[in-house]
N, C-alpha and C. Protein backbone atom coordinates (compact mmCIF):
# COMPACT_ATOMS: atom_id res chain seq x y z
N MET A 1 -10.21 18.13 13.54
CA MET A 1 -9.33 17.24 12.81
C MET A 1 -7.89 17.62 13.14
N THR A 2 -7.07 16.63 13.37
CA THR A 2 -5.66 16.90 13.66
C THR A 2 -4.90 17.15 12.35
N LYS A 3 -3.75 17.77 12.48
CA LYS A 3 -2.90 17.98 11.30
C LYS A 3 -2.51 16.66 10.66
N GLN A 4 -2.21 15.67 11.50
CA GLN A 4 -1.82 14.35 10.99
C GLN A 4 -2.96 13.75 10.18
N ASP A 5 -4.19 13.86 10.70
CA ASP A 5 -5.36 13.34 9.97
C ASP A 5 -5.53 14.06 8.64
N PHE A 6 -5.36 15.39 8.66
CA PHE A 6 -5.50 16.16 7.43
C PHE A 6 -4.43 15.77 6.41
N LEU A 7 -3.20 15.61 6.87
CA LEU A 7 -2.12 15.24 5.95
C LEU A 7 -2.39 13.89 5.30
N LYS A 8 -2.94 12.96 6.08
CA LYS A 8 -3.30 11.65 5.53
C LYS A 8 -4.43 11.80 4.50
N GLU A 9 -5.44 12.61 4.82
CA GLU A 9 -6.54 12.86 3.88
C GLU A 9 -6.01 13.52 2.60
N LEU A 10 -5.07 14.44 2.76
CA LEU A 10 -4.49 15.11 1.61
C LEU A 10 -3.75 14.12 0.72
N GLU A 11 -3.01 13.23 1.33
CA GLU A 11 -2.31 12.19 0.56
C GLU A 11 -3.32 11.35 -0.23
N ASP A 12 -4.44 11.02 0.39
CA ASP A 12 -5.47 10.24 -0.28
C ASP A 12 -6.12 11.05 -1.41
N LEU A 13 -6.45 12.31 -1.14
CA LEU A 13 -7.09 13.15 -2.15
C LEU A 13 -6.19 13.34 -3.38
N LEU A 14 -4.91 13.51 -3.12
CA LEU A 14 -3.97 13.73 -4.22
C LEU A 14 -3.49 12.42 -4.84
N GLN A 15 -3.86 11.32 -4.20
CA GLN A 15 -3.42 10.00 -4.63
C GLN A 15 -1.89 9.92 -4.68
N ARG A 16 -1.30 10.43 -3.59
CA ARG A 16 0.16 10.43 -3.45
C ARG A 16 0.64 9.17 -2.75
N ASP A 17 1.73 8.64 -3.23
CA ASP A 17 2.38 7.51 -2.56
C ASP A 17 3.33 8.00 -1.48
N GLU A 18 3.79 9.24 -1.62
CA GLU A 18 4.73 9.83 -0.67
C GLU A 18 3.98 10.59 0.42
N VAL A 19 4.62 10.75 1.55
CA VAL A 19 4.04 11.44 2.69
C VAL A 19 4.00 12.94 2.43
N CYS A 20 2.92 13.58 2.86
CA CYS A 20 2.80 15.04 2.79
C CYS A 20 3.29 15.64 4.10
N SER A 21 3.91 16.80 4.00
CA SER A 21 4.41 17.51 5.17
C SER A 21 3.90 18.95 5.11
N GLU A 22 3.73 19.56 6.27
CA GLU A 22 3.23 20.94 6.35
C GLU A 22 4.04 21.92 5.53
N ASN A 23 5.34 21.74 5.46
CA ASN A 23 6.21 22.70 4.79
C ASN A 23 6.43 22.41 3.32
N ASP A 24 5.79 21.39 2.80
CA ASP A 24 5.95 21.04 1.38
C ASP A 24 5.36 22.12 0.48
N LEU A 25 6.05 22.40 -0.61
CA LEU A 25 5.52 23.29 -1.64
C LEU A 25 4.61 22.48 -2.54
N LEU A 26 3.38 22.94 -2.69
CA LEU A 26 2.40 22.20 -3.48
C LEU A 26 2.80 22.10 -4.95
N GLU A 27 3.47 23.11 -5.46
CA GLU A 27 3.88 23.08 -6.88
C GLU A 27 4.90 21.97 -7.16
N LYS A 28 5.53 21.46 -6.10
CA LYS A 28 6.48 20.36 -6.26
C LYS A 28 5.77 19.01 -6.40
N TYR A 29 4.50 18.98 -6.04
CA TYR A 29 3.72 17.74 -6.14
C TYR A 29 3.29 17.55 -7.59
N GLU A 30 3.64 16.44 -8.15
CA GLU A 30 3.20 16.10 -9.50
C GLU A 30 1.67 16.05 -9.57
N GLU A 31 1.04 15.68 -8.46
CA GLU A 31 -0.41 15.50 -8.40
C GLU A 31 -1.18 16.81 -8.21
N TRP A 32 -0.50 17.93 -8.00
CA TRP A 32 -1.16 19.21 -7.73
C TRP A 32 -1.66 19.79 -9.05
N ASP A 33 -2.96 19.66 -9.29
CA ASP A 33 -3.56 20.14 -10.52
C ASP A 33 -5.00 20.60 -10.24
N SER A 34 -5.71 20.96 -11.29
CA SER A 34 -7.07 21.48 -11.09
C SER A 34 -8.01 20.42 -10.51
N LEU A 35 -7.81 19.16 -10.86
CA LEU A 35 -8.65 18.10 -10.31
C LEU A 35 -8.43 17.95 -8.81
N SER A 36 -7.19 18.04 -8.36
CA SER A 36 -6.92 17.93 -6.93
C SER A 36 -7.50 19.15 -6.19
N LYS A 37 -7.47 20.31 -6.82
CA LYS A 37 -8.06 21.51 -6.19
C LYS A 37 -9.57 21.34 -6.06
N MET A 38 -10.21 20.77 -7.08
CA MET A 38 -11.65 20.54 -7.01
C MET A 38 -11.97 19.53 -5.89
N SER A 39 -11.13 18.53 -5.73
CA SER A 39 -11.32 17.56 -4.66
C SER A 39 -11.19 18.24 -3.29
N LEU A 40 -10.25 19.15 -3.17
CA LEU A 40 -10.09 19.88 -1.91
C LEU A 40 -11.27 20.81 -1.64
N ILE A 41 -11.83 21.40 -2.68
CA ILE A 41 -13.02 22.24 -2.52
C ILE A 41 -14.15 21.40 -1.92
N ALA A 42 -14.36 20.20 -2.46
CA ALA A 42 -15.40 19.31 -1.95
C ALA A 42 -15.08 18.86 -0.52
N PHE A 43 -13.82 18.55 -0.25
CA PHE A 43 -13.40 18.12 1.09
C PHE A 43 -13.66 19.21 2.12
N PHE A 44 -13.26 20.45 1.84
CA PHE A 44 -13.45 21.55 2.78
C PHE A 44 -14.93 21.81 3.01
N ASN A 45 -15.72 21.69 1.97
CA ASN A 45 -17.16 21.90 2.10
C ASN A 45 -17.78 20.81 2.97
N LYS A 46 -17.42 19.57 2.73
CA LYS A 46 -18.00 18.44 3.46
C LYS A 46 -17.56 18.40 4.92
N HIS A 47 -16.27 18.58 5.18
CA HIS A 47 -15.74 18.39 6.53
C HIS A 47 -15.77 19.65 7.39
N PHE A 48 -15.68 20.82 6.78
CA PHE A 48 -15.58 22.06 7.55
C PHE A 48 -16.68 23.06 7.23
N ASN A 49 -17.55 22.72 6.27
CA ASN A 49 -18.59 23.64 5.81
C ASN A 49 -17.99 24.97 5.36
N ILE A 50 -16.83 24.89 4.70
CA ILE A 50 -16.14 26.07 4.17
C ILE A 50 -16.23 26.00 2.65
N LYS A 51 -16.74 27.06 2.06
CA LYS A 51 -16.92 27.10 0.61
C LYS A 51 -15.71 27.78 -0.04
N LEU A 52 -14.87 26.97 -0.65
CA LEU A 52 -13.71 27.48 -1.38
C LEU A 52 -14.05 27.58 -2.86
N THR A 53 -13.30 28.39 -3.56
CA THR A 53 -13.41 28.48 -5.02
C THR A 53 -12.02 28.24 -5.60
N MET A 54 -11.96 28.09 -6.89
CA MET A 54 -10.64 27.95 -7.53
C MET A 54 -9.78 29.18 -7.24
N GLN A 55 -10.40 30.32 -7.11
CA GLN A 55 -9.68 31.56 -6.81
C GLN A 55 -9.03 31.49 -5.42
N SER A 56 -9.60 30.68 -4.53
CA SER A 56 -9.05 30.53 -3.17
C SER A 56 -7.62 30.01 -3.20
N PHE A 57 -7.26 29.30 -4.25
CA PHE A 57 -5.94 28.68 -4.34
C PHE A 57 -4.89 29.60 -4.95
N LYS A 58 -5.27 30.80 -5.30
CA LYS A 58 -4.36 31.74 -5.97
C LYS A 58 -3.09 32.00 -5.14
N ASN A 59 -3.25 32.14 -3.84
CA ASN A 59 -2.11 32.45 -2.98
C ASN A 59 -1.68 31.28 -2.10
N ILE A 60 -2.09 30.07 -2.48
CA ILE A 60 -1.74 28.88 -1.73
C ILE A 60 -0.46 28.29 -2.32
N ASN A 61 0.58 28.23 -1.52
CA ASN A 61 1.86 27.72 -1.97
C ASN A 61 2.31 26.46 -1.24
N LYS A 62 1.97 26.38 0.04
CA LYS A 62 2.43 25.28 0.88
C LYS A 62 1.23 24.52 1.46
N VAL A 63 1.49 23.33 1.93
CA VAL A 63 0.46 22.55 2.61
C VAL A 63 -0.04 23.33 3.83
N SER A 64 0.86 24.05 4.51
CA SER A 64 0.46 24.84 5.67
C SER A 64 -0.55 25.92 5.31
N ASP A 65 -0.51 26.42 4.07
CA ASP A 65 -1.50 27.39 3.62
C ASP A 65 -2.89 26.75 3.53
N LEU A 66 -2.93 25.49 3.13
CA LEU A 66 -4.20 24.77 3.11
C LEU A 66 -4.76 24.60 4.52
N ILE A 67 -3.86 24.30 5.44
CA ILE A 67 -4.28 24.15 6.85
C ILE A 67 -4.85 25.46 7.36
N ALA A 68 -4.24 26.58 7.00
CA ALA A 68 -4.73 27.89 7.43
C ALA A 68 -6.12 28.19 6.86
N LEU A 69 -6.43 27.66 5.68
CA LEU A 69 -7.76 27.86 5.08
C LEU A 69 -8.87 27.22 5.90
N SER A 70 -8.52 26.30 6.78
CA SER A 70 -9.53 25.58 7.55
C SER A 70 -10.14 26.42 8.68
N ASN A 71 -9.63 27.62 8.88
CA ASN A 71 -10.15 28.51 9.93
C ASN A 71 -10.16 27.85 11.31
N GLY A 72 -9.08 27.15 11.63
CA GLY A 72 -8.93 26.55 12.95
C GLY A 72 -9.55 25.16 13.08
N ASN A 73 -10.10 24.62 12.00
CA ASN A 73 -10.67 23.27 12.05
C ASN A 73 -9.62 22.18 12.02
N ILE A 74 -8.40 22.53 11.66
CA ILE A 74 -7.29 21.58 11.66
C ILE A 74 -6.31 22.05 12.73
N GLN A 75 -6.07 21.20 13.72
CA GLN A 75 -5.22 21.61 14.83
C GLN A 75 -4.06 20.67 15.02
């Protein structure tokens, strides 16, 4: 999956009207909440077979941190 594809998927998952960027701080997103994290857990499991937990988001601050969680599946 390309970074552009992931950013578009992220916008859809978060139900954002605004564009997501790699350097965006997730805490600045009004939509960044526990429901969006659960959606990302399901997304990573389905698309990358990566099992995340809520604890996985403890040190996630930027969109680029989410990309790093993909273990190279997002390029």
